[in-house]
Structure formats: C-alpha cells, structure tokens
Amino acid sequence: MKNLTVLLTAMLFSLSAWALDLGTAKSQKLVGEKNNGYLGLLVSSNTDAAALIAEINNKRKAKYQQIANKQNTQLANIEKIAGEKLTTKAKAAGQAYQDANGSWVK
C-alpha cells in the first residue's frame, strides 16, 4: 500500500510538471494579451492553452470586478485600463498582443 501511495504521489507531481504555464504559453505564442484585459488564444487546436486561458480570465474578471466595485465604476473601464497596461507589457517583452484595432501582433 505504501508503494502505491508513493507511486500515485510521483504521478501527480509528474502531471503538474507537464501542465502548461502562462509564461511558456506566451513565449510559444500560444496565447496573447487582448486589448480588453483578457488573454486570447492564438492556436485554436491547443486545448491546454484554452483551459489555461479560461482559468486565468475567470480570475482576472473577478479581480477587475472587485476593483470596479471598490472604485464605483463600470467593469468595462477597468478592463480597458488593464488591457492597455497588459498589451504594453506584452509588446515590451516581445510577446503576442492585440492592438487597438483588434489585430494580433506577434
């Protein structure tokens, strides 16, 4: 039984090591920063990247809403500001981003 526990633990750690992280996804240009403050999928066939985007975008939206509530403003205002900051940062890092017209720059 102890050997089984050790084996299962090792397998779990191995699986998490294979999981796609945001830095890797950005460097491989699988995802990019959209001008609305959220991540966008650049390679539609990559299900790992799509799952990562969904998870991160849900967290971002919750945080943006929290900020909007605190500042007594609309969510869209916070998304716009975040989008400007994140696309500027992505551009400086040589990562993919969406320009003001909605076109992807890689």
PDB file of N, CA and C in Angstrom:
ATOM      1  N   MET A   1       0.825  -1.193   0.000  1.00  0.00           N
ATOM      2  CA  MET A   1       0.000   0.000   0.000  1.00  0.00           C
ATOM      3  C   MET A   1       0.872   1.260   0.000  1.00  0.00           C
ATOM      4  N   LYS A   2       1.965   1.201   0.769  1.00  0.00           N
ATOM      5  CA  LYS A   2       2.859   2.351   0.828  1.00  0.00           C
ATOM      6  C   LYS A   2       3.463   2.638  -0.549  1.00  0.00           C
ATOM      7  N   ASN A   3       3.832   1.571  -1.264  1.00  0.00           N
ATOM      8  CA  ASN A   3       4.399   1.743  -2.605  1.00  0.00           C
ATOM      9  C   ASN A   3       3.396   2.388  -3.553  1.00  0.00           C
ATOM     10  N   LEU A   4       2.128   2.017  -3.415  1.00  0.00           N
ATOM     11  CA  LEU A   4       1.084   2.592  -4.256  1.00  0.00           C
ATOM     12  C   LEU A   4       0.937   4.083  -3.977  1.00  0.00           C
ATOM     13  N   THR A   5       0.988   4.462  -2.707  1.00  0.00           N
ATOM     14  CA  THR A   5       0.888   5.870  -2.337  1.00  0.00           C
ATOM     15  C   THR A   5       2.052   6.662  -2.918  1.00  0.00           C
ATOM     16  N   VAL A   6       3.236   6.120  -2.822  1.00  0.00           N
ATOM     17  CA  VAL A   6       4.422   6.783  -3.368  1.00  0.00           C
ATOM     18  C   VAL A   6       4.293   6.917  -4.885  1.00  0.00           C
ATOM     19  N   LEU A   7       3.827   5.867  -5.538  1.00  0.00           N
ATOM     20  CA  LEU A   7       3.664   5.890  -6.989  1.00  0.00           C
ATOM     21  C   LEU A   7       2.636   6.934  -7.411  1.00  0.00           C
ATOM     22  N   LEU A   8       1.502   6.972  -6.733  1.00  0.00           N
ATOM     23  CA  LEU A   8       0.461   7.948  -7.061  1.00  0.00           C
ATOM     24  C   LEU A   8       0.950   9.376  -6.839  1.00  0.00           C
ATOM     25  N   THR A   9       1.662   9.597  -5.760  1.00  0.00           N
ATOM     26  CA  THR A   9       2.208  10.925  -5.478  1.00  0.00           C
ATOM     27  C   THR A   9       3.186  11.341  -6.575  1.00  0.00           C
ATOM     28  N   ALA A  10       4.047  10.437  -6.971  1.00  0.00           N
ATOM     29  CA  ALA A  10       5.016  10.728  -8.032  1.00  0.00           C
ATOM     30  C   ALA A  10       4.309  11.045  -9.344  1.00  0.00           C
ATOM     31  N   MET A  11       3.244  10.308  -9.634  1.00  0.00           N
ATOM     32  CA  MET A  11       2.491  10.554 -10.868  1.00  0.00           C
ATOM     33  C   MET A  11       1.840  11.931 -10.846  1.00  0.00           C
ATOM     34  N   LEU A  12       1.299  12.320  -9.710  1.00  0.00           N
ATOM     35  CA  LEU A  12       0.662  13.628  -9.605  1.00  0.00           C
ATOM     36  C   LEU A  12       1.669  14.749  -9.827  1.00  0.00           C
ATOM     37  N   PHE A  13       2.846  14.610  -9.244  1.00  0.00           N
ATOM     38  CA  PHE A  13       3.875  15.625  -9.443  1.00  0.00           C
ATOM     39  C   PHE A  13       4.335  15.658 -10.899  1.00  0.00           C
ATOM     40  N   SER A  14       4.407  14.510 -11.532  1.00  0.00           N
ATOM     41  CA  SER A  14       4.796  14.455 -12.938  1.00  0.00           C
ATOM     42  C   SER A  14       3.773  15.153 -13.812  1.00  0.00           C
ATOM     43  N   LEU A  15       2.497  14.930 -13.549  1.00  0.00           N
ATOM     44  CA  LEU A  15       1.446  15.564 -14.335  1.00  0.00           C
ATOM     45  C   LEU A  15       1.484  17.075 -14.186  1.00  0.00           C
ATOM     46  N   SER A  16       1.718  17.562 -12.979  1.00  0.00           N
ATOM     47  CA  SER A  16       1.758  19.010 -12.790  1.00  0.00           C
ATOM     48  C   SER A  16       2.980  19.616 -13.471  1.00  0.00           C
ATOM     49  N   ALA A  17       4.035  18.852 -13.608  1.00  0.00           N
ATOM     50  CA  ALA A  17       5.224  19.346 -14.298  1.00  0.00           C
ATOM     51  C   ALA A  17       4.961  19.500 -15.795  1.00  0.00           C
ATOM     52  N   TRP A  18       4.057  18.680 -16.330  1.00  0.00           N
ATOM     53  CA  TRP A  18       3.719  18.765 -17.746  1.00  0.00           C
ATOM     54  C   TRP A  18       2.705  19.859 -18.038  1.00  0.00           C
ATOM     55  N   ALA A  19       2.038  20.350 -17.030  1.00  0.00           N
ATOM     56  CA  ALA A  19       0.989  21.348 -17.234  1.00  0.00           C
ATOM     57  C   ALA A  19       1.583  22.618 -17.843  1.00  0.00           C
ATOM     58  N   LEU A  20       0.813  23.219 -18.721  1.00  0.00           N
ATOM     59  CA  LEU A  20       1.234  24.443 -19.392  1.00  0.00           C
ATOM     60  C   LEU A  20       1.083  25.622 -18.443  1.00  0.00           C
ATOM     61  N   ASP A  21       2.121  26.448 -18.348  1.00  0.00           N
ATOM     62  CA  ASP A  21       2.022  27.651 -17.522  1.00  0.00           C
ATOM     63  C   ASP A  21       1.963  28.870 -18.442  1.00  0.00           C
ATOM     64  N   LEU A  22       1.564  30.002 -17.884  1.00  0.00           N
ATOM     65  CA  LEU A  22       1.345  31.206 -18.677  1.00  0.00           C
ATOM     66  C   LEU A  22       2.620  31.686 -19.363  1.00  0.00           C
ATOM     67  N   GLY A  23       3.733  31.661 -18.660  1.00  0.00           N
ATOM     68  CA  GLY A  23       4.989  32.110 -19.256  1.00  0.00           C
ATOM     69  C   GLY A  23       5.366  31.298 -20.486  1.00  0.00           C
ATOM     70  N   THR A  24       5.218  29.994 -20.390  1.00  0.00           N
ATOM     71  CA  THR A  24       5.516  29.117 -21.522  1.00  0.00           C
ATOM     72  C   THR A  24       4.545  29.364 -22.665  1.00  0.00           C
ATOM     73  N   ALA A  25       3.271  29.483 -22.332  1.00  0.00           N
ATOM     74  CA  ALA A  25       2.248  29.714 -23.360  1.00  0.00           C
ATOM     75  C   ALA A  25       2.495  31.024 -24.103  1.00  0.00           C
ATOM     76  N   LYS A  26       2.917  32.048 -23.364  1.00  0.00           N
ATOM     77  CA  LYS A  26       3.208  33.335 -24.009  1.00  0.00           C
ATOM     78  C   LYS A  26       4.474  33.250 -24.855  1.00  0.00           C
ATOM     79  N   SER A  27       5.518  32.611 -24.333  1.00  0.00           N
ATOM     80  CA  SER A  27       6.778  32.535 -25.081  1.00  0.00           C
ATOM     81  C   SER A  27       6.628  31.697 -26.348  1.00  0.00           C
ATOM     82  N   GLN A  28       5.728  30.716 -26.324  1.00  0.00           N
ATOM     83  CA  GLN A  28       5.471  29.899 -27.510  1.00  0.00           C
ATOM     84  C   GLN A  28       4.412  30.533 -28.414  1.00  0.00           C
ATOM     85  N   LYS A  29       3.933  31.712 -28.005  1.00  0.00           N
ATOM     86  CA  LYS A  29       2.899  32.452 -28.752  1.00  0.00           C
ATOM     87  C   LYS A  29       1.647  31.613 -28.989  1.00  0.00           C
ATOM     88  N   LEU A  30       1.289  30.843 -27.959  1.00  0.00           N
ATOM     89  CA  LEU A  30       0.025  30.110 -27.973  1.00  0.00           C
ATOM     90  C   LEU A  30      -1.099  31.021 -27.510  1.00  0.00           C
ATOM     91  N   VAL A  31      -0.749  31.975 -26.650  1.00  0.00           N
ATOM     92  CA  VAL A  31      -1.711  32.937 -26.113  1.00  0.00           C
ATOM     93  C   VAL A  31      -1.107  34.334 -26.201  1.00  0.00           C
ATOM     94  N   GLY A  32      -1.985  35.319 -26.158  1.00  0.00           N
ATOM     95  CA  GLY A  32      -1.534  36.703 -26.170  1.00  0.00           C
ATOM     96  C   GLY A  32      -2.472  37.562 -25.357  1.00  0.00           C
ATOM     97  N   GLU A  33      -2.027  38.768 -25.072  1.00  0.00           N
ATOM     98  CA  GLU A  33      -2.836  39.716 -24.308  1.00  0.00           C
ATOM     99  C   GLU A  33      -3.782  40.457 -25.246  1.00  0.00           C
ATOM    100  N   LYS A  34      -5.060  40.400 -24.935  1.00  0.00           N
ATOM    101  CA  LYS A  34      -6.059  41.114 -25.729  1.00  0.00           C
ATOM    102  C   LYS A  34      -6.173  42.547 -25.217  1.00  0.00           C
ATOM    103  N   ASN A  35      -6.689  43.428 -26.054  1.00  0.00           N
ATOM    104  CA  ASN A  35      -6.800  44.834 -25.664  1.00  0.00           C
ATOM    105  C   ASN A  35      -7.925  45.095 -24.668  1.00  0.00           C
ATOM    106  N   ASN A  36      -8.643  44.048 -24.272  1.00  0.00           N
ATOM    107  CA  ASN A  36      -9.717  44.202 -23.289  1.00  0.00           C
ATOM    108  C   ASN A  36      -9.329  43.693 -21.897  1.00  0.00           C
ATOM    109  N   GLY A  37      -8.039  43.396 -21.704  1.00  0.00           N
ATOM    110  CA  GLY A  37      -7.571  42.971 -20.390  1.00  0.00           C
ATOM    111  C   GLY A  37      -7.595  41.475 -20.142  1.00  0.00           C
ATOM    112  N   TYR A  38      -7.941  40.715 -21.152  1.00  0.00           N
ATOM    113  CA  TYR A  38      -8.008  39.264 -21.014  1.00  0.00           C
ATOM    114  C   TYR A  38      -7.031  38.603 -21.977  1.00  0.00           C
ATOM    115  N   LEU A  39      -6.805  37.316 -21.771  1.00  0.00           N
ATOM    116  CA  LEU A  39      -5.939  36.552 -22.658  1.00  0.00           C
ATOM    117  C   LEU A  39      -6.735  36.053 -23.853  1.00  0.00           C
ATOM    118  N   GLY A  40      -6.056  35.927 -24.982  1.00  0.00           N
ATOM    119  CA  GLY A  40      -6.670  35.374 -26.180  1.00  0.00           C
ATOM    120  C   GLY A  40      -5.880  34.176 -26.669  1.00  0.00           C
ATOM    121  N   LEU A  41      -6.574  33.248 -27.295  1.00  0.00           N
ATOM    122  CA  LEU A  41      -5.968  32.027 -27.815  1.00  0.00           C
ATOM    123  C   LEU A  41      -5.497  32.257 -29.247  1.00  0.00           C
ATOM    124  N   LEU A  42      -4.238  31.989 -29.505  1.00  0.00           N
ATOM    125  CA  LEU A  42      -3.672  32.179 -30.841  1.00  0.00           C
ATOM    126  C   LEU A  42      -3.599  30.879 -31.629  1.00  0.00           C
ATOM    127  N   VAL A  43      -3.568  29.752 -30.925  1.00  0.00           N
ATOM    128  CA  VAL A  43      -3.512  28.433 -31.563  1.00  0.00           C
ATOM    129  C   VAL A  43      -4.742  27.665 -31.102  1.00  0.00           C
ATOM    130  N   SER A  44      -5.772  27.674 -31.925  1.00  0.00           N
ATOM    131  CA  SER A  44      -7.069  27.133 -31.502  1.00  0.00           C
ATOM    132  C   SER A  44      -7.045  25.643 -31.202  1.00  0.00           C
ATOM    133  N   SER A  45      -6.086  24.920 -31.736  1.00  0.00           N
ATOM    134  CA  SER A  45      -6.038  23.477 -31.515  1.00  0.00           C
ATOM    135  C   SER A  45      -5.399  23.092 -30.182  1.00  0.00           C
ATOM    136  N   ASN A  46      -4.863  24.046 -29.444  1.00  0.00           N
ATOM    137  CA  ASN A  46      -4.174  23.729 -28.195  1.00  0.00           C
ATOM    138  C   ASN A  46      -5.153  23.789 -27.026  1.00  0.00           C
ATOM    139  N   THR A  47      -5.623  22.630 -26.600  1.00  0.00           N
ATOM    140  CA  THR A  47      -6.626  22.570 -25.532  1.00  0.00           C
ATOM    141  C   THR A  47      -6.041  22.943 -24.174  1.00  0.00           C
ATOM    142  N   ASP A  48      -4.761  22.674 -23.960  1.00  0.00           N
ATOM    143  CA  ASP A  48      -4.131  23.068 -22.695  1.00  0.00           C
ATOM    144  C   ASP A  48      -4.102  24.586 -22.567  1.00  0.00           C
ATOM    145  N   ALA A  49      -3.765  25.255 -23.661  1.00  0.00           N
ATOM    146  CA  ALA A  49      -3.735  26.721 -23.651  1.00  0.00           C
ATOM    147  C   ALA A  49      -5.139  27.281 -23.454  1.00  0.00           C
ATOM    148  N   ALA A  50      -6.126  26.659 -24.085  1.00  0.00           N
ATOM    149  CA  ALA A  50      -7.514  27.118 -23.940  1.00  0.00           C
ATOM    150  C   ALA A  50      -7.979  26.989 -22.494  1.00  0.00           C
ATOM    151  N   ALA A  51      -7.631  25.894 -21.846  1.00  0.00           N
ATOM    152  CA  ALA A  51      -8.007  25.693 -20.444  1.00  0.00           C
ATOM    153  C   ALA A  51      -7.302  26.705 -19.547  1.00  0.00           C
ATOM    154  N   LEU A  52      -6.036  26.960 -19.830  1.00  0.00           N
ATOM    155  CA  LEU A  52      -5.271  27.941 -19.062  1.00  0.00           C
ATOM    156  C   LEU A  52      -5.896  29.326 -19.191  1.00  0.00           C
ATOM    157  N   ILE A  53      -6.259  29.701 -20.405  1.00  0.00           N
ATOM    158  CA  ILE A  53      -6.887  30.998 -20.651  1.00  0.00           C
ATOM    159  C   ILE A  53      -8.190  31.124 -19.880  1.00  0.00           C
ATOM    160  N   ALA A  54      -9.011  30.098 -19.934  1.00  0.00           N
ATOM    161  CA  ALA A  54     -10.303  30.143 -19.234  1.00  0.00           C
ATOM    162  C   ALA A  54     -10.104  30.356 -17.741  1.00  0.00           C
ATOM    163  N   GLU A  55      -9.154  29.630 -17.171  1.00  0.00           N
ATOM    164  CA  GLU A  55      -8.882  29.750 -15.734  1.00  0.00           C
ATOM    165  C   GLU A  55      -8.385  31.150 -15.375  1.00  0.00           C
ATOM    166  N   ILE A  56      -7.421  31.646 -16.121  1.00  0.00           N
ATOM    167  CA  ILE A  56      -6.843  32.957 -15.820  1.00  0.00           C
ATOM    168  C   ILE A  56      -7.842  34.074 -16.088  1.00  0.00           C
ATOM    169  N   ASN A  57      -8.581  33.987 -17.194  1.00  0.00           N
ATOM    170  CA  ASN A  57      -9.556  35.032 -17.497  1.00  0.00           C
ATOM    171  C   ASN A  57     -10.667  35.100 -16.453  1.00  0.00           C
ATOM    172  N   ASN A  58     -11.073  33.955 -15.920  1.00  0.00           N
ATOM    173  CA  ASN A  58     -12.071  33.966 -14.839  1.00  0.00           C
ATOM    174  C   ASN A  58     -11.534  34.688 -13.609  1.00  0.00           C
ATOM    175  N   LYS A  59     -10.284  34.438 -13.277  1.00  0.00           N
ATOM    176  CA  LYS A  59      -9.666  35.104 -12.128  1.00  0.00           C
ATOM    177  C   LYS A  59      -9.501  36.601 -12.382  1.00  0.00           C
ATOM    178  N   ARG A  60      -9.096  36.943 -13.597  1.00  0.00           N
ATOM    179  CA  ARG A  60      -8.942  38.360 -13.937  1.00  0.00           C
ATOM    180  C   ARG A  60     -10.284  39.084 -13.836  1.00  0.00           C
ATOM    181  N   LYS A  61     -11.327  38.471 -14.392  1.00  0.00           N
ATOM    182  CA  LYS A  61     -12.631  39.129 -14.374  1.00  0.00           C
ATOM    183  C   LYS A  61     -13.099  39.369 -12.944  1.00  0.00           C
ATOM    184  N   ALA A  62     -12.897  38.386 -12.074  1.00  0.00           N
ATOM    185  CA  ALA A  62     -13.287  38.549 -10.671  1.00  0.00           C
ATOM    186  C   ALA A  62     -12.511  39.698 -10.031  1.00  0.00           C
ATOM    187  N   LYS A  63     -11.219  39.781 -10.317  1.00  0.00           N
ATOM    188  CA  LYS A  63     -10.388  40.857  -9.761  1.00  0.00           C
ATOM    189  C   LYS A  63     -10.793  42.206 -10.337  1.00  0.00           C
ATOM    190  N   TYR A  64     -11.028  42.265 -11.637  1.00  0.00           N
ATOM    191  CA  TYR A  64     -11.454  43.516 -12.264  1.00  0.00           C
ATOM    192  C   TYR A  64     -12.782  43.993 -11.670  1.00  0.00           C
ATOM    193  N   GLN A  65     -13.700  43.049 -11.459  1.00  0.00           N
ATOM    194  CA  GLN A  65     -15.000  43.417 -10.893  1.00  0.00           C
ATOM    195  C   GLN A  65     -14.831  43.951  -9.476  1.00  0.00           C
ATOM    196  N   GLN A  66     -13.946  43.327  -8.715  1.00  0.00           N
ATOM    197  CA  GLN A  66     -13.665  43.782  -7.349  1.00  0.00           C
ATOM    198  C   GLN A  66     -13.124  45.218  -7.368  1.00  0.00           C
ATOM    199  N   ILE A  67     -12.219  45.499  -8.271  1.00  0.00           N
ATOM    200  CA  ILE A  67     -11.658  46.853  -8.392  1.00  0.00           C
ATOM    201  C   ILE A  67     -12.740  47.838  -8.828  1.00  0.00           C
ATOM    202  N   ALA A  68     -13.546  47.441  -9.805  1.00  0.00           N
ATOM    203  CA  ALA A  68     -14.624  48.312 -10.290  1.00  0.00           C
ATOM    204  C   ALA A  68     -15.602  48.643  -9.168  1.00  0.00           C
ATOM    205  N   ASN A  69     -15.962  47.660  -8.378  1.00  0.00           N
ATOM    206  CA  ASN A  69     -16.876  47.892  -7.256  1.00  0.00           C
ATOM    207  C   ASN A  69     -16.261  48.849  -6.244  1.00  0.00           C
ATOM    208  N   LYS A  70     -14.984  48.643  -5.951  1.00  0.00           N
ATOM    209  CA  LYS A  70     -14.295  49.482  -4.976  1.00  0.00           C
ATOM    210  C   LYS A  70     -14.191  50.926  -5.463  1.00  0.00           C
ATOM    211  N   GLN A  71     -13.989  51.108  -6.770  1.00  0.00           N
ATOM    212  CA  GLN A  71     -13.836  52.448  -7.335  1.00  0.00           C
ATOM    213  C   GLN A  71     -15.155  53.022  -7.841  1.00  0.00           C
ATOM    214  N   ASN A  72     -16.234  52.273  -7.644  1.00  0.00           N
ATOM    215  CA  ASN A  72     -17.566  52.705  -8.069  1.00  0.00           C
ATOM    216  C   ASN A  72     -17.584  53.098  -9.549  1.00  0.00           C
ATOM    217  N   THR A  73     -17.076  52.188 -10.373  1.00  0.00           N
ATOM    218  CA  THR A  73     -17.038  52.414 -11.817  1.00  0.00           C
ATOM    219  C   THR A  73     -17.485  51.149 -12.539  1.00  0.00           C
ATOM    220  N   GLN A  74     -17.618  51.245 -13.833  1.00  0.00           N
ATOM    221  CA  GLN A  74     -18.040  50.111 -14.647  1.00  0.00           C
ATOM    222  C   GLN A  74     -16.881  49.137 -14.877  1.00  0.00           C
ATOM    223  N   LEU A  75     -17.215  47.869 -14.975  1.00  0.00           N
ATOM    224  CA  LEU A  75     -16.228  46.834 -15.262  1.00  0.00           C
ATOM    225  C   LEU A  75     -15.472  47.155 -16.550  1.00  0.00           C
ATOM    226  N   ALA A  76     -16.158  47.638 -17.562  1.00  0.00           N
ATOM    227  CA  ALA A  76     -15.527  47.948 -18.854  1.00  0.00           C
ATOM    228  C   ALA A  76     -14.395  48.964 -18.713  1.00  0.00           C
ATOM    229  N   ASN A  77     -14.524  49.897 -17.786  1.00  0.00           N
ATOM    230  CA  ASN A  77     -13.461  50.884 -17.574  1.00  0.00           C
ATOM    231  C   ASN A  77     -12.194  50.218 -17.050  1.00  0.00           C
ATOM    232  N   ILE A  78     -12.361  49.301 -16.121  1.00  0.00           N
ATOM    233  CA  ILE A  78     -11.214  48.588 -15.545  1.00  0.00           C
ATOM    234  C   ILE A  78     -10.599  47.670 -16.594  1.00  0.00           C
ATOM    235  N   GLU A  79     -11.432  46.996 -17.372  1.00  0.00           N
ATOM    236  CA  GLU A  79     -10.927  46.116 -18.428  1.00  0.00           C
ATOM    237  C   GLU A  79     -10.093  46.908 -19.437  1.00  0.00           C
ATOM    238  N   LYS A  80     -10.542  48.086 -19.783  1.00  0.00           N
ATOM    239  CA  LYS A  80      -9.823  48.927 -20.753  1.00  0.00           C
ATOM    240  C   LYS A  80      -8.450  49.326 -20.219  1.00  0.00           C
ATOM    241  N   ILE A  81      -8.412  49.771 -18.971  1.00  0.00           N
ATOM    242  CA  ILE A  81      -7.139  50.167 -18.352  1.00  0.00           C
ATOM    243  C   ILE A  81      -6.195  48.970 -18.263  1.00  0.00           C
ATOM    244  N   ALA A  82      -6.727  47.833 -17.819  1.00  0.00           N
ATOM    245  CA  ALA A  82      -5.911  46.622 -17.712  1.00  0.00           C
ATOM    246  C   ALA A  82      -5.396  46.202 -19.082  1.00  0.00           C
ATOM    247  N   GLY A  83      -6.258  46.281 -20.085  1.00  0.00           N
ATOM    248  CA  GLY A  83      -5.852  45.919 -21.442  1.00  0.00           C
ATOM    249  C   GLY A  83      -4.703  46.768 -21.943  1.00  0.00           C
ATOM    250  N   GLU A  84      -4.779  48.070 -21.683  1.00  0.00           N
ATOM    251  CA  GLU A  84      -3.702  48.973 -22.104  1.00  0.00           C
ATOM    252  C   GLU A  84      -2.388  48.615 -21.417  1.00  0.00           C
ATOM    253  N   LYS A  85      -2.452  48.361 -20.120  1.00  0.00           N
ATOM    254  CA  LYS A  85      -1.235  48.028 -19.369  1.00  0.00           C
ATOM    255  C   LYS A  85      -0.658  46.684 -19.808  1.00  0.00           C
ATOM    256  N   LEU A  86      -1.528  45.680 -19.951  1.00  0.00           N
ATOM    257  CA  LEU A  86      -1.053  44.337 -20.285  1.00  0.00           C
ATOM    258  C   LEU A  86      -0.521  44.242 -21.711  1.00  0.00           C
ATOM    259  N   THR A  87      -1.150  44.934 -22.652  1.00  0.00           N
ATOM    260  CA  THR A  87      -0.639  44.895 -24.030  1.00  0.00           C
ATOM    261  C   THR A  87       0.679  45.654 -24.148  1.00  0.00           C
ATOM    262  N   THR A  88       0.826  46.741 -23.408  1.00  0.00           N
ATOM    263  CA  THR A  88       2.096  47.479 -23.401  1.00  0.00           C
ATOM    264  C   THR A  88       3.214  46.600 -22.848  1.00  0.00           C
ATOM    265  N   LYS A  89       2.907  45.892 -21.777  1.00  0.00           N
ATOM    266  CA  LYS A  89       3.888  44.995 -21.157  1.00  0.00           C
ATOM    267  C   LYS A  89       4.248  43.845 -22.113  1.00  0.00           C
ATOM    268  N   ALA A  90       3.241  43.274 -22.768  1.00  0.00           N
ATOM    269  CA  ALA A  90       3.479  42.175 -23.711  1.00  0.00           C
ATOM    270  C   ALA A  90       4.325  42.644 -24.889  1.00  0.00           C
ATOM    271  N   LYS A  91       4.034  43.829 -25.390  1.00  0.00           N
ATOM    272  CA  LYS A  91       4.794  44.388 -26.514  1.00  0.00           C
ATOM    273  C   LYS A  91       6.262  44.545 -26.132  1.00  0.00           C
ATOM    274  N   ALA A  92       6.520  45.092 -24.948  1.00  0.00           N
ATOM    275  CA  ALA A  92       7.893  45.297 -24.481  1.00  0.00           C
ATOM    276  C   ALA A  92       8.636  43.976 -24.303  1.00  0.00           C
ATOM    277  N   ALA A  93       7.896  42.918 -23.962  1.00  0.00           N
ATOM    278  CA  ALA A  93       8.509  41.610 -23.734  1.00  0.00           C
ATOM    279  C   ALA A  93       8.622  40.778 -25.011  1.00  0.00           C
ATOM    280  N   GLY A  94       8.134  41.316 -26.128  1.00  0.00           N
ATOM    281  CA  GLY A  94       8.187  40.568 -27.381  1.00  0.00           C
ATOM    282  C   GLY A  94       7.150  39.468 -27.469  1.00  0.00           C
ATOM    283  N   GLN A  95       6.080  39.594 -26.699  1.00  0.00           N
ATOM    284  CA  GLN A  95       5.006  38.604 -26.698  1.00  0.00           C
ATOM    285  C   GLN A  95       3.866  39.071 -27.601  1.00  0.00           C
ATOM    286  N   ALA A  96       2.977  38.165 -27.923  1.00  0.00           N
ATOM    287  CA  ALA A  96       1.837  38.491 -28.775  1.00  0.00           C
ATOM    288  C   ALA A  96       0.839  39.349 -28.007  1.00  0.00           C
ATOM    289  N   TYR A  97       0.257  40.309 -28.732  1.00  0.00           N
ATOM    290  CA  TYR A  97      -0.753  41.177 -28.127  1.00  0.00           C
ATOM    291  C   TYR A  97      -1.704  41.663 -29.213  1.00  0.00           C
ATOM    292  N   GLN A  98      -2.843  42.134 -28.769  1.00  0.00           N
ATOM    293  CA  GLN A  98      -3.853  42.660 -29.681  1.00  0.00           C
ATOM    294  C   GLN A  98      -3.750  44.180 -29.687  1.00  0.00           C
ATOM    295  N   ASP A  99      -3.640  44.769 -30.871  1.00  0.00           N
ATOM    296  CA  ASP A  99      -3.538  46.226 -30.932  1.00  0.00           C
ATOM    297  C   ASP A  99      -4.913  46.871 -30.747  1.00  0.00           C
ATOM    298  N   ALA A 100      -4.949  48.190 -30.773  1.00  0.00           N
ATOM    299  CA  ALA A 100      -6.191  48.930 -30.526  1.00  0.00           C
ATOM    300  C   ALA A 100      -7.274  48.608 -31.551  1.00  0.00           C
ATOM    301  N   ASN A 101      -6.874  48.168 -32.746  1.00  0.00           N
ATOM    302  CA  ASN A 101      -7.834  47.819 -33.795  1.00  0.00           C
ATOM    303  C   ASN A 101      -8.314  46.375 -33.701  1.00  0.00           C
ATOM    304  N   GLY A 102      -7.745  45.616 -32.760  1.00  0.00           N
ATOM    305  CA  GLY A 102      -8.139  44.221 -32.590  1.00  0.00           C
ATOM    306  C   GLY A 102      -7.317  43.234 -33.397  1.00  0.00           C
ATOM    307  N   SER A 103      -6.270  43.705 -34.060  1.00  0.00           N
ATOM    308  CA  SER A 103      -5.391  42.825 -34.832  1.00  0.00           C
ATOM    309  C   SER A 103      -4.301  42.268 -33.926  1.00  0.00           C
ATOM    310  N   TRP A 104      -3.952  41.011 -34.151  1.00  0.00           N
ATOM    311  CA  TRP A 104      -2.889  40.397 -33.367  1.00  0.00           C
ATOM    312  C   TRP A 104      -1.526  40.787 -33.917  1.00  0.00           C
ATOM    313  N   VAL A 105      -0.634  41.151 -33.015  1.00  0.00           N
ATOM    314  CA  VAL A 105       0.756  41.454 -33.347  1.00  0.00           C
ATOM    315  C   VAL A 105       1.592  40.393 -32.654  1.00  0.00           C
ATOM    316  N   LYS A 106       2.365  39.649 -33.444  1.00  0.00           N
ATOM    317  CA  LYS A 106       3.142  38.537 -32.874  1.00  0.00           C
ATOM    318  C   LYS A 106       4.622  38.842 -32.875  1.00  0.00           C
TER     319      LYS A 106
END
